[in-house]
Amino acid sequence: MKHIIGLGLAATFAATIVGAEAVKPTQVVFEDGAIAASLSGAAGDAENGAILMNKGSGNCIACHSVDALSDLPFHGEVGPPLDGVADRWSEAELRGIVADAKMMFDGTVMPSFYKTTGFTRLGDAYTGKAHADGEVQPLLTAQDIEDVVAFLVTLKEE
């Protein structure tokens, strides 16, 4: 009987997560620069996070080096190396840093990947043109943030 109740609770919990709505960028709650709960309501996919580290709107290795991604041809030196980052920061802190590093590090040049307001001279993605009228989209989705964080928490000192 205990197993049946446990399975029922697990199924209810899983259904809640699947049906969960992403936290909107304007509704994110930071606590000392960290974000405690998942932005998407779902677990991150570390494999997709590694892809986002190199491609698309993430492109973290343009500024950071990551030994786990040594097969990629270019690693930046603008930001600190990300090797061992999971030993230096908690998952909540990493989520906050990826979402909006400026909440933890005033004056950082790291982009705010999950922010849609408060910009000065907003551009239109990577076109070099001014932003057209309409709603601003974050650089990464809530699930993208969770995927990058899932990858970052695998980066421990060896």
N, C-alpha and C. Protein backbone atom coordinates (compact mmCIF):
# COMPACT_ATOMS: atom_id res chain seq x y z
N MET A 1 0.81 -1.19 0.00
CA MET A 1 0.00 0.00 0.00
C MET A 1 0.86 1.27 0.00
N LYS A 2 1.97 1.25 0.79
CA LYS A 2 2.86 2.39 0.84
C LYS A 2 3.41 2.70 -0.55
N HIS A 3 3.78 1.65 -1.30
CA HIS A 3 4.34 1.85 -2.64
C HIS A 3 3.33 2.48 -3.57
N ILE A 4 2.08 2.08 -3.47
CA ILE A 4 1.03 2.63 -4.33
C ILE A 4 0.83 4.11 -4.02
N ILE A 5 0.79 4.45 -2.73
CA ILE A 5 0.64 5.85 -2.34
C ILE A 5 1.86 6.64 -2.81
N GLY A 6 3.05 6.08 -2.62
CA GLY A 6 4.28 6.75 -3.07
C GLY A 6 4.27 6.97 -4.57
N LEU A 7 3.86 5.98 -5.33
CA LEU A 7 3.79 6.12 -6.78
C LEU A 7 2.76 7.17 -7.18
N GLY A 8 1.64 7.20 -6.46
CA GLY A 8 0.61 8.21 -6.73
C GLY A 8 1.12 9.61 -6.48
N LEU A 9 1.85 9.80 -5.37
CA LEU A 9 2.43 11.10 -5.07
C LEU A 9 3.48 11.49 -6.10
N ALA A 10 4.30 10.52 -6.50
CA ALA A 10 5.32 10.78 -7.51
C ALA A 10 4.67 11.19 -8.83
N ALA A 11 3.60 10.52 -9.22
CA ALA A 11 2.91 10.84 -10.47
C ALA A 11 2.28 12.23 -10.39
N THR A 12 1.71 12.56 -9.24
CA THR A 12 1.12 13.88 -9.06
C THR A 12 2.20 14.95 -9.15
N PHE A 13 3.34 14.71 -8.50
CA PHE A 13 4.45 15.65 -8.53
C PHE A 13 4.96 15.83 -9.96
N ALA A 14 5.14 14.72 -10.68
CA ALA A 14 5.60 14.79 -12.07
C ALA A 14 4.62 15.55 -12.94
N ALA A 15 3.34 15.34 -12.75
CA ALA A 15 2.32 16.05 -13.53
C ALA A 15 2.36 17.54 -13.23
N THR A 16 2.63 17.88 -11.98
CA THR A 16 2.73 19.29 -11.60
C THR A 16 3.90 19.94 -12.31
N ILE A 17 5.04 19.25 -12.35
CA ILE A 17 6.22 19.79 -13.01
C ILE A 17 5.99 19.94 -14.51
N VAL A 18 5.43 18.92 -15.15
CA VAL A 18 5.18 18.96 -16.58
C VAL A 18 4.24 20.11 -16.91
N GLY A 19 3.23 20.33 -16.08
CA GLY A 19 2.25 21.38 -16.33
C GLY A 19 2.70 22.75 -15.83
N ALA A 20 3.86 22.83 -15.21
CA ALA A 20 4.33 24.09 -14.65
C ALA A 20 4.64 25.09 -15.76
N GLU A 21 4.33 26.34 -15.47
CA GLU A 21 4.61 27.40 -16.41
C GLU A 21 5.93 28.05 -16.04
N ALA A 22 6.66 28.49 -17.04
CA ALA A 22 7.93 29.15 -16.80
C ALA A 22 7.72 30.47 -16.07
N VAL A 23 8.68 30.81 -15.22
CA VAL A 23 8.68 32.11 -14.56
C VAL A 23 9.06 33.14 -15.62
N LYS A 24 8.28 34.18 -15.74
CA LYS A 24 8.57 35.23 -16.72
C LYS A 24 9.79 36.02 -16.25
N PRO A 25 10.58 36.54 -17.19
CA PRO A 25 11.77 37.30 -16.79
C PRO A 25 11.48 38.44 -15.82
N THR A 26 10.33 39.07 -15.95
CA THR A 26 9.99 40.19 -15.06
C THR A 26 9.52 39.73 -13.69
N GLN A 27 9.33 38.41 -13.50
CA GLN A 27 8.84 37.88 -12.23
C GLN A 27 9.89 37.06 -11.48
N VAL A 28 11.12 37.05 -11.98
CA VAL A 28 12.19 36.28 -11.33
C VAL A 28 12.52 36.91 -9.99
N VAL A 29 12.65 36.07 -8.97
CA VAL A 29 12.99 36.53 -7.63
C VAL A 29 14.45 36.16 -7.35
N PHE A 30 15.26 37.19 -7.16
CA PHE A 30 16.67 37.00 -6.82
C PHE A 30 16.84 37.18 -5.32
N GLU A 31 17.68 36.35 -4.72
CA GLU A 31 18.02 36.50 -3.31
C GLU A 31 19.54 36.49 -3.23
N ASP A 32 20.13 37.64 -2.98
CA ASP A 32 21.58 37.80 -2.99
C ASP A 32 22.17 37.33 -4.32
N GLY A 33 21.49 37.63 -5.41
CA GLY A 33 21.98 37.27 -6.74
C GLY A 33 21.62 35.87 -7.19
N ALA A 34 21.08 35.05 -6.29
CA ALA A 34 20.75 33.66 -6.61
C ALA A 34 19.25 33.51 -6.90
N ILE A 35 18.92 32.47 -7.65
CA ILE A 35 17.52 32.12 -7.93
C ILE A 35 17.33 30.69 -7.43
N ALA A 36 16.54 30.54 -6.38
CA ALA A 36 16.41 29.25 -5.71
C ALA A 36 15.70 28.19 -6.55
N ALA A 37 14.62 28.55 -7.21
CA ALA A 37 13.79 27.55 -7.90
C ALA A 37 14.02 27.57 -9.41
N SER A 38 13.73 26.45 -10.02
CA SER A 38 13.82 26.33 -11.47
C SER A 38 12.97 27.39 -12.14
N LEU A 39 13.48 28.00 -13.19
CA LEU A 39 12.72 29.00 -13.93
C LEU A 39 11.68 28.37 -14.84
N SER A 40 11.93 27.14 -15.26
CA SER A 40 11.01 26.47 -16.18
C SER A 40 10.07 25.51 -15.48
N GLY A 41 10.39 25.14 -14.24
CA GLY A 41 9.60 24.14 -13.54
C GLY A 41 10.00 22.73 -13.90
N ALA A 42 11.04 22.59 -14.71
CA ALA A 42 11.51 21.27 -15.15
C ALA A 42 13.02 21.18 -14.91
N ALA A 43 13.50 19.97 -14.82
CA ALA A 43 14.94 19.74 -14.65
C ALA A 43 15.67 20.15 -15.92
N GLY A 44 16.91 20.55 -15.77
CA GLY A 44 17.73 20.90 -16.92
C GLY A 44 18.33 19.69 -17.58
N ASP A 45 18.68 19.83 -18.84
CA ASP A 45 19.32 18.79 -19.65
C ASP A 45 20.77 19.21 -19.88
N ALA A 46 21.69 18.58 -19.16
CA ALA A 46 23.10 18.96 -19.21
C ALA A 46 23.68 18.83 -20.62
N GLU A 47 23.23 17.83 -21.37
CA GLU A 47 23.72 17.64 -22.73
C GLU A 47 23.34 18.83 -23.62
N ASN A 48 22.10 19.28 -23.52
CA ASN A 48 21.68 20.45 -24.28
C ASN A 48 22.38 21.70 -23.75
N GLY A 49 22.61 21.75 -22.45
CA GLY A 49 23.34 22.87 -21.86
C GLY A 49 24.73 23.01 -22.45
N ALA A 50 25.41 21.89 -22.69
CA ALA A 50 26.74 21.92 -23.30
C ALA A 50 26.66 22.47 -24.72
N ILE A 51 25.61 22.14 -25.43
CA ILE A 51 25.42 22.67 -26.79
C ILE A 51 25.20 24.18 -26.73
N LEU A 52 24.37 24.63 -25.80
CA LEU A 52 24.09 26.06 -25.66
C LEU A 52 25.34 26.83 -25.26
N MET A 53 26.27 26.19 -24.57
CA MET A 53 27.52 26.84 -24.18
C MET A 53 28.32 27.29 -25.40
N ASN A 54 28.07 26.64 -26.54
CA ASN A 54 28.83 26.91 -27.75
C ASN A 54 28.02 27.58 -28.85
N LYS A 55 26.73 27.41 -28.86
CA LYS A 55 25.95 27.87 -30.00
C LYS A 55 24.80 28.78 -29.59
N GLY A 56 24.28 29.47 -30.58
CA GLY A 56 23.08 30.27 -30.37
C GLY A 56 23.30 31.43 -29.44
N SER A 57 22.26 31.75 -28.72
CA SER A 57 22.29 32.91 -27.84
C SER A 57 23.11 32.70 -26.58
N GLY A 58 23.45 31.46 -26.26
CA GLY A 58 24.29 31.18 -25.10
C GLY A 58 25.72 31.57 -25.39
N ASN A 59 26.38 30.77 -26.19
CA ASN A 59 27.75 31.01 -26.64
C ASN A 59 28.68 31.43 -25.51
N CYS A 60 28.59 30.75 -24.39
CA CYS A 60 29.37 31.09 -23.20
C CYS A 60 30.88 31.02 -23.46
N ILE A 61 31.29 30.09 -24.32
CA ILE A 61 32.74 29.94 -24.52
C ILE A 61 33.34 31.07 -25.36
N ALA A 62 32.53 31.99 -25.82
CA ALA A 62 33.09 33.17 -26.48
C ALA A 62 33.86 34.00 -25.45
N CYS A 63 33.47 33.89 -24.18
CA CYS A 63 34.12 34.65 -23.11
C CYS A 63 34.81 33.79 -22.07
N HIS A 64 34.38 32.52 -21.92
CA HIS A 64 34.90 31.63 -20.89
C HIS A 64 35.58 30.42 -21.51
N SER A 65 36.57 29.89 -20.82
CA SER A 65 37.16 28.61 -21.23
C SER A 65 36.54 27.50 -20.39
N VAL A 66 36.41 26.31 -21.02
CA VAL A 66 35.82 25.16 -20.35
C VAL A 66 36.55 23.92 -20.85
N ASP A 67 37.37 23.30 -20.00
CA ASP A 67 38.12 22.11 -20.42
C ASP A 67 37.23 20.98 -20.90
N ALA A 68 36.02 20.85 -20.32
CA ALA A 68 35.10 19.78 -20.72
C ALA A 68 34.63 19.95 -22.16
N LEU A 69 34.82 21.13 -22.72
CA LEU A 69 34.45 21.40 -24.11
C LEU A 69 35.69 21.67 -24.95
N SER A 70 36.79 21.01 -24.60
CA SER A 70 38.07 21.26 -25.28
C SER A 70 38.07 20.90 -26.76
N ASP A 71 37.08 20.12 -27.20
CA ASP A 71 36.98 19.78 -28.62
C ASP A 71 36.52 20.97 -29.46
N LEU A 72 36.02 22.01 -28.82
CA LEU A 72 35.56 23.20 -29.54
C LEU A 72 36.76 24.11 -29.81
N PRO A 73 36.78 24.77 -30.96
CA PRO A 73 37.98 25.48 -31.41
C PRO A 73 38.34 26.78 -30.70
N PHE A 74 37.41 27.47 -30.11
CA PHE A 74 37.72 28.77 -29.53
C PHE A 74 37.15 28.90 -28.13
N HIS A 75 37.98 29.35 -27.21
CA HIS A 75 37.54 29.63 -25.85
C HIS A 75 38.03 31.02 -25.49
N GLY A 76 37.14 31.83 -24.96
CA GLY A 76 37.47 33.20 -24.63
C GLY A 76 38.23 33.35 -23.33
N GLU A 77 38.74 34.56 -23.13
CA GLU A 77 39.50 34.88 -21.92
C GLU A 77 38.96 36.12 -21.23
N VAL A 78 37.78 36.59 -21.65
CA VAL A 78 37.19 37.77 -21.04
C VAL A 78 36.67 37.44 -19.65
N GLY A 79 35.97 36.32 -19.53
CA GLY A 79 35.43 35.88 -18.25
C GLY A 79 36.33 34.82 -17.63
N PRO A 80 36.09 34.49 -16.38
CA PRO A 80 36.92 33.47 -15.72
C PRO A 80 36.68 32.08 -16.32
N PRO A 81 37.67 31.19 -16.23
CA PRO A 81 37.45 29.80 -16.66
C PRO A 81 36.31 29.19 -15.84
N LEU A 82 35.53 28.33 -16.48
CA LEU A 82 34.39 27.73 -15.80
C LEU A 82 34.70 26.36 -15.20
N ASP A 83 35.92 25.88 -15.36
CA ASP A 83 36.31 24.61 -14.74
C ASP A 83 36.19 24.73 -13.23
N GLY A 84 35.51 23.79 -12.61
CA GLY A 84 35.33 23.79 -11.17
C GLY A 84 34.27 24.76 -10.67
N VAL A 85 33.49 25.35 -11.58
CA VAL A 85 32.49 26.34 -11.19
C VAL A 85 31.46 25.76 -10.22
N ALA A 86 31.17 24.47 -10.33
CA ALA A 86 30.18 23.83 -9.44
C ALA A 86 30.70 23.71 -8.02
N ASP A 87 32.01 23.80 -7.84
CA ASP A 87 32.57 23.78 -6.50
C ASP A 87 32.59 25.18 -5.87
N ARG A 88 32.49 26.20 -6.71
CA ARG A 88 32.55 27.58 -6.22
C ARG A 88 31.17 28.20 -5.99
N TRP A 89 30.17 27.72 -6.73
CA TRP A 89 28.84 28.32 -6.67
C TRP A 89 27.79 27.22 -6.52
N SER A 90 26.73 27.52 -5.82
CA SER A 90 25.61 26.58 -5.70
C SER A 90 24.79 26.61 -6.99
N GLU A 91 23.89 25.65 -7.14
CA GLU A 91 23.01 25.63 -8.30
C GLU A 91 22.18 26.91 -8.39
N ALA A 92 21.67 27.37 -7.26
CA ALA A 92 20.86 28.60 -7.23
C ALA A 92 21.69 29.81 -7.64
N GLU A 93 22.94 29.87 -7.19
CA GLU A 93 23.82 30.98 -7.56
C GLU A 93 24.16 30.92 -9.04
N LEU A 94 24.44 29.73 -9.56
CA LEU A 94 24.71 29.58 -10.99
C LEU A 94 23.51 30.01 -11.82
N ARG A 95 22.31 29.63 -11.38
CA ARG A 95 21.08 30.02 -12.10
C ARG A 95 20.98 31.55 -12.12
N GLY A 96 21.24 32.19 -11.00
CA GLY A 96 21.18 33.66 -10.94
C GLY A 96 22.22 34.31 -11.82
N ILE A 97 23.43 33.76 -11.83
CA ILE A 97 24.51 34.32 -12.64
C ILE A 97 24.17 34.20 -14.13
N VAL A 98 23.68 33.05 -14.56
CA VAL A 98 23.35 32.87 -15.97
C VAL A 98 22.15 33.75 -16.34
N ALA A 99 21.16 33.83 -15.49
CA ALA A 99 19.96 34.62 -15.80
C ALA A 99 20.29 36.11 -15.89
N ASP A 100 21.01 36.63 -14.89
CA ASP A 100 21.36 38.05 -14.87
C ASP A 100 22.52 38.26 -13.91
N ALA A 101 23.73 38.12 -14.44
CA ALA A 101 24.94 38.21 -13.62
C ALA A 101 25.07 39.56 -12.91
N LYS A 102 24.44 40.58 -13.47
CA LYS A 102 24.54 41.91 -12.87
C LYS A 102 23.87 41.99 -11.49
N MET A 103 23.01 41.03 -11.19
CA MET A 103 22.38 41.00 -9.87
C MET A 103 23.38 40.56 -8.80
N MET A 104 24.43 39.85 -9.21
CA MET A 104 25.44 39.39 -8.26
C MET A 104 26.75 40.18 -8.40
N PHE A 105 27.07 40.54 -9.63
CA PHE A 105 28.34 41.21 -9.92
C PHE A 105 28.06 42.55 -10.58
N ASP A 106 27.93 43.58 -9.79
CA ASP A 106 27.65 44.91 -10.32
C ASP A 106 28.76 45.32 -11.29
N GLY A 107 28.38 45.77 -12.45
CA GLY A 107 29.36 46.25 -13.43
C GLY A 107 29.94 45.18 -14.33
N THR A 108 29.52 43.93 -14.20
CA THR A 108 30.04 42.87 -15.06
C THR A 108 29.65 43.14 -16.52
N VAL A 109 30.46 42.65 -17.44
CA VAL A 109 30.14 42.77 -18.85
C VAL A 109 29.35 41.56 -19.35
N MET A 110 29.13 40.59 -18.48
CA MET A 110 28.37 39.40 -18.88
C MET A 110 26.94 39.80 -19.22
N PRO A 111 26.42 39.33 -20.36
CA PRO A 111 25.05 39.68 -20.74
C PRO A 111 24.03 39.11 -19.75
N SER A 112 22.90 39.77 -19.69
CA SER A 112 21.77 39.27 -18.90
C SER A 112 20.96 38.37 -19.82
N PHE A 113 21.05 37.08 -19.63
CA PHE A 113 20.44 36.13 -20.56
C PHE A 113 18.94 35.92 -20.36
N TYR A 114 18.41 36.34 -19.20
CA TYR A 114 16.98 36.16 -18.94
C TYR A 114 16.40 37.46 -18.39
N LYS A 115 16.48 38.48 -19.21
CA LYS A 115 16.03 39.81 -18.81
C LYS A 115 15.35 40.44 -20.03
N THR A 116 14.29 41.20 -19.80
CA THR A 116 13.56 41.81 -20.91
C THR A 116 13.27 43.30 -20.71
N THR A 117 13.71 43.87 -19.60
CA THR A 117 13.45 45.28 -19.32
C THR A 117 14.71 45.95 -18.80
N GLY A 118 14.68 47.29 -18.79
CA GLY A 118 15.77 48.06 -18.18
C GLY A 118 17.02 48.20 -19.03
N PHE A 119 16.90 48.00 -20.32
CA PHE A 119 18.07 48.12 -21.20
C PHE A 119 18.28 49.56 -21.65
N THR A 120 19.52 49.89 -21.96
CA THR A 120 19.86 51.17 -22.57
C THR A 120 20.33 50.88 -23.98
N ARG A 121 19.76 51.58 -24.96
CA ARG A 121 20.15 51.40 -26.37
C ARG A 121 20.02 49.94 -26.80
N LEU A 122 18.84 49.41 -26.65
CA LEU A 122 18.57 48.02 -26.98
C LEU A 122 18.71 47.77 -28.47
N GLY A 123 19.46 46.73 -28.82
CA GLY A 123 19.63 46.34 -30.22
C GLY A 123 18.69 45.22 -30.60
N ASP A 124 18.63 44.93 -31.89
CA ASP A 124 17.81 43.85 -32.41
C ASP A 124 18.68 42.61 -32.57
N ALA A 125 18.76 41.83 -31.49
CA ALA A 125 19.57 40.60 -31.44
C ALA A 125 20.97 40.89 -31.95
N TYR A 126 21.40 40.19 -32.98
CA TYR A 126 22.78 40.33 -33.46
C TYR A 126 22.83 41.03 -34.82
N THR A 127 21.87 41.87 -35.13
CA THR A 127 21.80 42.51 -36.44
C THR A 127 22.54 43.82 -36.51
N GLY A 128 22.84 44.43 -35.38
CA GLY A 128 23.48 45.74 -35.37
C GLY A 128 22.48 46.87 -35.54
N LYS A 129 21.21 46.55 -35.57
CA LYS A 129 20.15 47.55 -35.73
C LYS A 129 19.44 47.77 -34.41
N ALA A 130 18.75 48.92 -34.31
CA ALA A 130 17.97 49.21 -33.11
C ALA A 130 16.79 48.24 -33.01
N HIS A 131 16.36 47.98 -31.79
CA HIS A 131 15.23 47.08 -31.55
C HIS A 131 13.96 47.66 -32.17
N ALA A 132 13.24 46.84 -32.88
CA ALA A 132 11.96 47.24 -33.45
C ALA A 132 10.90 47.23 -32.35
N ASP A 133 9.80 47.89 -32.60
CA ASP A 133 8.71 47.89 -31.62
C ASP A 133 8.27 46.47 -31.32
N GLY A 134 7.76 46.27 -30.13
CA GLY A 134 7.26 44.96 -29.74
C GLY A 134 7.95 44.46 -28.49
N GLU A 135 7.50 43.32 -28.03
CA GLU A 135 8.01 42.73 -26.80
C GLU A 135 9.45 42.24 -26.97
N VAL A 136 10.27 42.51 -25.99
CA VAL A 136 11.66 42.05 -25.97
C VAL A 136 11.69 40.61 -25.49
N GLN A 137 12.41 39.76 -26.18
CA GLN A 137 12.55 38.36 -25.79
C GLN A 137 13.90 38.19 -25.08
N PRO A 138 13.98 37.34 -24.05
CA PRO A 138 15.28 37.10 -23.41
C PRO A 138 16.20 36.35 -24.37
N LEU A 139 17.49 36.46 -24.15
CA LEU A 139 18.46 35.76 -24.99
C LEU A 139 18.31 34.25 -24.89
N LEU A 140 18.01 33.76 -23.68
CA LEU A 140 17.79 32.33 -23.46
C LEU A 140 16.40 32.14 -22.86
N THR A 141 15.76 31.03 -23.17
CA THR A 141 14.48 30.70 -22.56
C THR A 141 14.71 30.20 -21.13
N ALA A 142 13.64 30.08 -20.39
CA ALA A 142 13.73 29.54 -19.02
C ALA A 142 14.34 28.14 -19.05
N GLN A 143 13.93 27.31 -20.00
CA GLN A 143 14.48 25.95 -20.08
C GLN A 143 15.94 25.97 -20.51
N ASP A 144 16.31 26.90 -21.40
CA ASP A 144 17.72 27.04 -21.78
C ASP A 144 18.58 27.35 -20.55
N ILE A 145 18.10 28.24 -19.71
CA ILE A 145 18.82 28.59 -18.47
C ILE A 145 19.01 27.32 -17.63
N GLU A 146 17.94 26.56 -17.46
CA GLU A 146 18.02 25.32 -16.67
C GLU A 146 18.99 24.33 -17.30
N ASP A 147 19.03 24.26 -18.62
CA ASP A 147 19.94 23.34 -19.30
C ASP A 147 21.40 23.76 -19.11
N VAL A 148 21.67 25.05 -19.24
CA VAL A 148 23.04 25.54 -19.02
C VAL A 148 23.47 25.29 -17.58
N VAL A 149 22.58 25.57 -16.64
CA VAL A 149 22.89 25.34 -15.22
C VAL A 149 23.14 23.85 -14.97
N ALA A 150 22.34 22.98 -15.59
CA ALA A 150 22.54 21.53 -15.44
C ALA A 150 23.92 21.12 -15.93
N PHE A 151 24.41 21.75 -16.99
CA PHE A 151 25.76 21.46 -17.46
C PHE A 151 26.79 22.04 -16.49
N LEU A 152 26.59 23.27 -16.07
CA LEU A 152 27.57 23.90 -15.18
C LEU A 152 27.76 23.16 -13.87
N VAL A 153 26.69 22.56 -13.32
CA VAL A 153 26.84 21.83 -12.06
C VAL A 153 27.63 20.54 -12.24
N THR A 154 27.92 20.14 -13.46
CA THR A 154 28.79 18.98 -13.69
C THR A 154 30.26 19.37 -13.68
N LEU A 155 30.56 20.66 -13.71
CA LEU A 155 31.94 21.12 -13.81
C LEU A 155 32.57 21.26 -12.43
N LYS A 156 33.06 20.15 -11.92
CA LYS A 156 33.69 20.10 -10.60
C LYS A 156 35.19 19.92 -10.76
N GLU A 157 35.93 20.35 -9.76
CA GLU A 157 37.39 20.13 -9.77
C GLU A 157 37.65 18.63 -9.76
N GLU A 158 38.65 18.23 -10.45
CA GLU A 158 38.94 16.78 -10.52
C GLU A 158 39.98 16.36 -9.54
